[in-house]
Amino acid sequence: MRRFLYLALMVWASAFLFLRASGVLLEILPTSDVRRLGRAVELATIYRQSLIERAGALDASSWIDPKVLAEVTQSPSMLAAEESCLDEASRGALAIRLGALDQAVLSEASDRDIRNLLAAADQAVKRRLRCSPTDGNAWLLRAQILVEQGGDMTNLGRFLDLSYFYAPAEKWIMIPRLRLAGTLIDAGRISLPAQYGLDLERVIQLSEPSDIAALYVEGGEKSRRLMRTVIDQQRLDRRVRILRTIDALGVSYPVAVACQPPVLNGPPGAELELRRPADLVAACAK
């Protein structure tokens, strides 16, 4: 759960990719700090890839020495950036805090170090929200950190509601929001959020089959059942593509009894060759 949360948190660091050399944060930070952060930006791109691609990239490279990020987070220029409400500065400062946290987890740092970095990331999110209270992704991060810290869950619904309100249709925010809510639903820690169904419908209607399959594979039985109710309502060609992608990841997908192959009493080999969920659904629709 902890590793999953930090992978989700790092999605937000990809916002750093939009900074230019003339950006405020890059002007504040010394050249040496900017050079060190270049590697962190490269790592951030990994978290926009599919589950399989992401795992391969993490195995192949993507190492940043946590000491390097620790130096950056403690530099005077970084501390100055954290006090700024300029959009590039507050967003970049939060990305750095999340990067330091993620690298500590990847390097299997001590629980104490991770708790300290988690607290620092929490403070960075709060500062970001004081400057930009309409940042829907920051509200999601607030919810994710609250869960990981074991905080008061009565605030979770409010944080998620604000994230839904300010970021209702951004796919890169909706997907980690679904992951968080799905994990908590599967664990029985929360009831179904009011906006969960809207997120689910938009993601399944608009996302690539690989993103949908990754969500399905990562989910527990409750969240998978909710996903199936929406997947089964998609047009046939899209539904078949989604089911083929899920099947390729080695996860079963229940098919309606009416679409199951009949039991034949003929000679060996006479049974229907259709066995895969996507093939069964396609044949059933004919």
Protein backbone atom coordinates (compact mmCIF):
# COMPACT_ATOMS: atom_id res chain seq x y z
CA MET A 1 0.00 0.00 0.00
CA ARG A 2 2.77 2.43 0.91
CA ARG A 3 4.67 1.88 -2.32
CA PHE A 4 1.46 2.21 -4.34
CA LEU A 5 0.61 5.51 -2.67
CA TYR A 6 3.99 7.01 -3.41
CA LEU A 7 3.81 5.92 -7.05
CA ALA A 8 0.50 7.70 -7.25
CA LEU A 9 1.90 10.78 -5.54
CA MET A 10 4.72 11.06 -8.09
CA VAL A 11 2.24 11.57 -10.93
CA TRP A 12 1.93 15.14 -9.75
CA ALA A 13 5.66 15.71 -10.12
CA SER A 14 5.24 15.53 -13.90
CA ALA A 15 3.98 19.11 -13.72
CA PHE A 16 7.64 20.05 -13.42
CA LEU A 17 8.02 19.15 -17.10
CA PHE A 18 6.15 22.32 -18.05
CA LEU A 19 8.68 24.66 -16.45
CA ARG A 20 10.90 26.59 -18.85
CA ALA A 21 14.34 28.08 -18.32
CA SER A 22 12.67 31.42 -17.71
CA GLY A 23 10.36 29.93 -15.09
CA VAL A 24 10.39 31.52 -11.67
CA LEU A 25 11.59 28.41 -9.85
CA LEU A 26 14.49 27.86 -12.22
CA GLU A 27 15.51 31.47 -11.71
CA ILE A 28 15.45 31.06 -7.95
CA LEU A 29 17.41 27.81 -7.81
CA PRO A 30 21.17 27.83 -8.43
CA THR A 31 22.44 26.07 -11.57
CA SER A 32 23.73 23.11 -9.55
CA ASP A 33 20.29 22.54 -8.03
CA VAL A 34 18.60 22.75 -11.42
CA ARG A 35 21.03 20.20 -12.85
CA ARG A 36 20.28 17.79 -10.01
CA LEU A 37 16.55 18.24 -10.49
CA GLY A 38 16.83 17.32 -14.15
CA ARG A 39 17.07 13.67 -13.16
CA ALA A 40 13.98 14.00 -10.99
CA VAL A 41 12.04 15.40 -13.95
CA GLU A 42 13.13 12.42 -16.04
CA LEU A 43 11.85 10.07 -13.36
CA ALA A 44 8.52 11.89 -13.23
CA THR A 45 7.76 10.89 -16.82
CA ILE A 46 7.78 7.24 -15.81
CA TYR A 47 4.65 7.66 -13.76
CA ARG A 48 2.62 8.72 -16.81
CA GLN A 49 3.21 5.33 -18.45
CA SER A 50 1.16 2.16 -18.22
CA LEU A 51 1.60 -0.32 -15.39
CA ILE A 52 3.82 -2.65 -17.45
CA GLU A 53 5.91 0.14 -18.99
CA ARG A 54 6.34 1.80 -15.63
CA ALA A 55 7.57 -1.38 -13.95
CA GLY A 56 10.07 -2.00 -16.76
CA ALA A 57 11.39 1.54 -16.57
CA LEU A 58 11.83 1.34 -12.81
CA ASP A 59 13.78 -1.90 -13.17
CA ALA A 60 15.99 -0.53 -15.92
CA SER A 61 17.02 2.81 -14.43
CA SER A 62 15.37 5.65 -12.54
CA TRP A 63 17.65 5.96 -9.58
CA ILE A 64 18.25 9.25 -7.83
CA ASP A 65 20.47 9.32 -4.78
CA PRO A 66 18.20 10.40 -1.90
CA LYS A 67 21.11 12.41 -0.49
CA VAL A 68 21.08 14.57 -3.60
CA LEU A 69 17.39 15.34 -3.24
CA ALA A 70 17.89 15.90 0.50
CA GLU A 71 20.51 18.55 -0.29
CA VAL A 72 18.14 20.27 -2.69
CA THR A 73 15.24 20.26 -0.23
CA GLN A 74 17.42 21.88 2.43
CA SER A 75 19.01 24.50 0.17
CA PRO A 76 18.24 28.17 0.93
CA SER A 77 16.85 28.65 -2.58
CA MET A 78 14.41 25.77 -2.08
CA LEU A 79 13.26 27.17 1.26
CA ALA A 80 12.72 30.55 -0.43
CA ALA A 81 10.69 28.90 -3.19
CA GLU A 82 8.46 27.24 -0.60
CA GLU A 83 7.54 30.63 0.83
CA SER A 84 6.46 31.93 -2.57
CA CYS A 85 2.89 31.83 -3.88
CA LEU A 86 3.99 32.16 -7.49
CA ASP A 87 2.44 29.19 -9.29
CA GLU A 88 5.67 27.79 -10.73
CA ALA A 89 7.44 28.11 -7.39
CA SER A 90 4.79 26.47 -5.19
CA ARG A 91 4.13 23.72 -7.72
CA GLY A 92 7.82 23.01 -8.26
CA ALA A 93 8.56 23.00 -4.53
CA LEU A 94 5.82 20.43 -3.96
CA ALA A 95 7.14 18.30 -6.82
CA ILE A 96 10.58 18.26 -5.19
CA ARG A 97 9.15 17.21 -1.81
CA LEU A 98 7.22 14.39 -3.46
CA GLY A 99 10.32 13.34 -5.40
CA ALA A 100 12.37 13.15 -2.22
CA LEU A 101 9.65 11.08 -0.56
CA ASP A 102 9.38 8.70 -3.50
CA GLN A 103 13.12 8.14 -3.70
CA ALA A 104 13.30 7.41 0.02
CA VAL A 105 10.71 4.67 -0.46
CA LEU A 106 12.50 3.25 -3.52
CA SER A 107 15.77 3.17 -1.58
CA GLU A 108 14.05 1.46 1.40
CA ALA A 109 14.87 4.26 3.81
CA SER A 110 14.01 3.89 7.48
CA ASP A 111 10.42 4.30 8.62
CA ARG A 112 11.45 7.37 10.57
CA ASP A 113 12.98 9.05 7.52
CA ILE A 114 9.89 8.24 5.46
CA ARG A 115 7.60 9.65 8.16
CA ASN A 116 9.64 12.86 8.23
CA LEU A 117 9.53 13.18 4.44
CA LEU A 118 5.81 12.43 4.45
CA ALA A 119 5.28 15.22 6.98
CA ALA A 120 7.35 17.59 4.82
CA ALA A 121 5.26 16.67 1.77
CA ASP A 122 2.10 17.27 3.80
CA GLN A 123 3.31 20.76 4.73
CA ALA A 124 4.16 21.45 1.08
CA VAL A 125 0.64 20.44 0.02
CA LYS A 126 -0.90 22.69 2.66
CA ARG A 127 1.25 25.61 1.50
CA ARG A 128 0.21 24.93 -2.08
CA LEU A 129 -3.46 24.98 -1.09
CA ARG A 130 -3.07 28.22 0.85
CA CYS A 131 -1.74 29.76 -2.36
CA SER A 132 -4.01 27.91 -4.81
CA PRO A 133 -7.12 26.60 -3.03
CA THR A 134 -8.70 25.61 -6.37
CA ASP A 135 -5.98 23.05 -7.18
CA GLY A 136 -7.97 19.81 -7.43
CA ASN A 137 -4.87 17.65 -7.58
CA ALA A 138 -3.46 19.18 -4.41
CA TRP A 139 -6.68 18.28 -2.62
CA LEU A 140 -6.26 14.70 -3.83
CA LEU A 141 -2.68 14.68 -2.52
CA ARG A 142 -3.99 15.97 0.81
CA ALA A 143 -6.36 12.99 0.92
CA GLN A 144 -3.62 10.50 -0.04
CA ILE A 145 -1.23 11.77 2.61
CA LEU A 146 -4.00 11.78 5.22
CA VAL A 147 -4.63 8.08 4.56
CA GLU A 148 -0.95 7.20 4.67
CA GLN A 149 -0.41 9.09 7.92
CA GLY A 150 -3.41 7.41 9.52
CA GLY A 151 -5.07 10.78 10.14
CA ASP A 152 -8.67 11.66 10.95
CA MET A 153 -10.69 9.97 8.20
CA THR A 154 -13.62 12.32 8.80
CA ASN A 155 -11.72 14.88 6.71
CA LEU A 156 -11.17 12.46 3.84
CA GLY A 157 -14.59 12.95 2.28
CA ARG A 158 -14.18 16.74 2.28
CA PHE A 159 -10.75 16.53 0.61
CA LEU A 160 -12.07 14.17 -2.06
CA ASP A 161 -15.15 16.33 -2.64
CA LEU A 162 -12.94 19.38 -3.20
CA SER A 163 -10.74 17.39 -5.58
CA TYR A 164 -13.83 16.26 -7.52
CA PHE A 165 -15.17 19.82 -7.61
CA TYR A 166 -12.00 21.52 -8.84
CA ALA A 167 -10.74 18.72 -11.12
CA PRO A 168 -13.81 16.91 -12.42
CA ALA A 169 -12.46 15.73 -15.77
CA GLU A 170 -8.64 15.70 -15.78
CA LYS A 171 -7.75 12.08 -16.52
CA TRP A 172 -4.30 12.28 -14.91
CA ILE A 173 -6.04 13.26 -11.65
CA MET A 174 -9.09 11.00 -11.99
CA ILE A 175 -7.04 7.80 -12.32
CA PRO A 176 -5.08 8.16 -9.04
CA ARG A 177 -8.28 9.38 -7.39
CA LEU A 178 -10.01 6.16 -8.47
CA ARG A 179 -7.05 4.14 -7.20
CA LEU A 180 -7.22 5.76 -3.78
CA ALA A 181 -11.00 5.43 -3.43
CA GLY A 182 -10.95 1.87 -4.80
CA THR A 183 -8.27 0.77 -2.34
CA LEU A 184 -10.24 2.18 0.59
CA ILE A 185 -13.52 0.69 -0.66
CA ASP A 186 -11.92 -2.75 -1.04
CA ALA A 187 -10.53 -2.49 2.49
CA GLY A 188 -13.94 -1.52 3.87
CA ARG A 189 -12.57 1.74 5.24
CA ILE A 190 -15.01 4.05 3.44
CA SER A 191 -18.41 3.87 1.80
CA LEU A 192 -18.76 4.63 -1.89
CA PRO A 193 -17.94 8.35 -2.49
CA ALA A 194 -20.76 10.24 -4.19
CA GLN A 195 -18.61 11.23 -7.18
CA TYR A 196 -16.86 7.87 -7.62
CA GLY A 197 -19.27 6.72 -10.32
CA LEU A 198 -18.69 9.85 -12.42
CA ASP A 199 -14.91 9.38 -12.26
CA LEU A 200 -15.32 5.74 -13.21
CA GLU A 201 -17.57 6.47 -16.19
CA ARG A 202 -15.30 9.20 -17.56
CA VAL A 203 -12.12 7.16 -17.20
CA ILE A 204 -13.60 4.05 -18.81
CA GLN A 205 -15.15 6.06 -21.63
CA LEU A 206 -12.09 8.19 -22.40
CA SER A 207 -8.95 6.34 -21.29
CA GLU A 208 -6.77 3.92 -23.19
CA PRO A 209 -7.60 0.23 -22.60
CA SER A 210 -4.16 -0.18 -21.01
CA ASP A 211 -5.01 2.41 -18.31
CA ILE A 212 -8.38 0.78 -17.67
CA ALA A 213 -6.84 -2.70 -17.49
CA ALA A 214 -4.19 -1.48 -15.04
CA LEU A 215 -6.90 -0.08 -12.76
CA TYR A 216 -8.83 -3.35 -12.97
CA VAL A 217 -5.79 -5.50 -12.22
CA GLU A 218 -4.80 -3.38 -9.22
CA GLY A 219 -8.31 -3.35 -7.76
CA GLY A 220 -9.92 -5.69 -5.27
CA GLU A 221 -13.18 -7.54 -5.84
CA LYS A 222 -15.46 -4.65 -4.82
CA SER A 223 -13.82 -2.08 -7.08
CA ARG A 224 -13.57 -4.62 -9.93
CA ARG A 225 -17.28 -5.31 -9.65
CA LEU A 226 -18.00 -1.58 -9.89
CA MET A 227 -15.74 -1.31 -12.92
CA ARG A 228 -17.48 -4.21 -14.65
CA THR A 229 -20.85 -2.48 -14.40
CA VAL A 230 -19.44 0.38 -16.50
CA ILE A 231 -17.22 -1.68 -18.83
CA ASP A 232 -20.17 -3.91 -19.76
CA GLN A 233 -22.11 -0.83 -20.89
CA GLN A 234 -19.50 0.26 -23.45
CA ARG A 235 -20.04 -0.27 -27.14
CA LEU A 236 -19.00 -3.74 -28.31
CA ASP A 237 -15.73 -2.92 -30.07
CA ARG A 238 -14.43 -0.89 -27.13
CA ARG A 239 -15.55 -3.49 -24.60
CA VAL A 240 -13.73 -6.22 -26.53
CA ARG A 241 -10.52 -4.14 -26.64
CA ILE A 242 -10.68 -3.56 -22.88
CA LEU A 243 -11.30 -7.25 -22.15
CA ARG A 244 -8.44 -8.34 -24.40
CA THR A 245 -6.09 -6.00 -22.55
CA ILE A 246 -7.23 -7.27 -19.14
CA ASP A 247 -6.86 -10.87 -20.34
CA ALA A 248 -3.32 -10.16 -21.55
CA LEU A 249 -2.41 -9.20 -17.98
CA GLY A 250 -3.53 -12.63 -16.77
CA VAL A 251 -6.61 -11.55 -14.82
CA SER A 252 -10.00 -13.22 -15.23
CA TYR A 253 -13.12 -11.29 -16.19
CA PRO A 254 -16.49 -12.92 -15.50
CA VAL A 255 -18.73 -13.29 -18.55
CA ALA A 256 -22.52 -13.51 -18.40
CA VAL A 257 -23.84 -17.08 -18.26
CA ALA A 258 -25.75 -16.50 -21.49
CA CYS A 259 -22.43 -15.96 -23.27
CA GLN A 260 -20.67 -19.05 -21.88
CA PRO A 261 -19.85 -21.79 -24.41
CA PRO A 262 -22.30 -24.72 -24.30
CA VAL A 263 -21.23 -28.17 -23.21
CA LEU A 264 -21.16 -30.39 -26.28
CA ASN A 265 -21.44 -34.17 -26.23
CA GLY A 266 -19.60 -34.71 -29.49
CA PRO A 267 -16.21 -36.30 -30.05
CA PRO A 268 -13.06 -34.88 -28.41
CA GLY A 269 -12.14 -31.55 -29.92
CA ALA A 270 -15.69 -30.73 -30.94
CA GLU A 271 -16.11 -28.17 -28.13
CA LEU A 272 -16.23 -24.51 -29.00
CA GLU A 273 -12.79 -22.97 -29.25
CA LEU A 274 -14.06 -19.70 -27.78
CA ARG A 275 -12.70 -19.40 -24.27
CA ARG A 276 -11.35 -15.87 -23.79
CA PRO A 277 -13.77 -13.30 -22.29
CA ALA A 278 -13.38 -10.89 -25.22
CA ASP A 279 -14.10 -13.65 -27.75
CA LEU A 280 -17.11 -14.86 -25.79
CA VAL A 281 -18.57 -11.36 -25.57
CA ALA A 282 -17.99 -10.70 -29.27
CA ALA A 283 -19.58 -14.02 -30.27
CA CYS A 284 -22.50 -13.49 -27.92
CA ALA A 285 -23.31 -10.14 -29.56
CA LYS A 286 -23.68 -11.68 -33.03
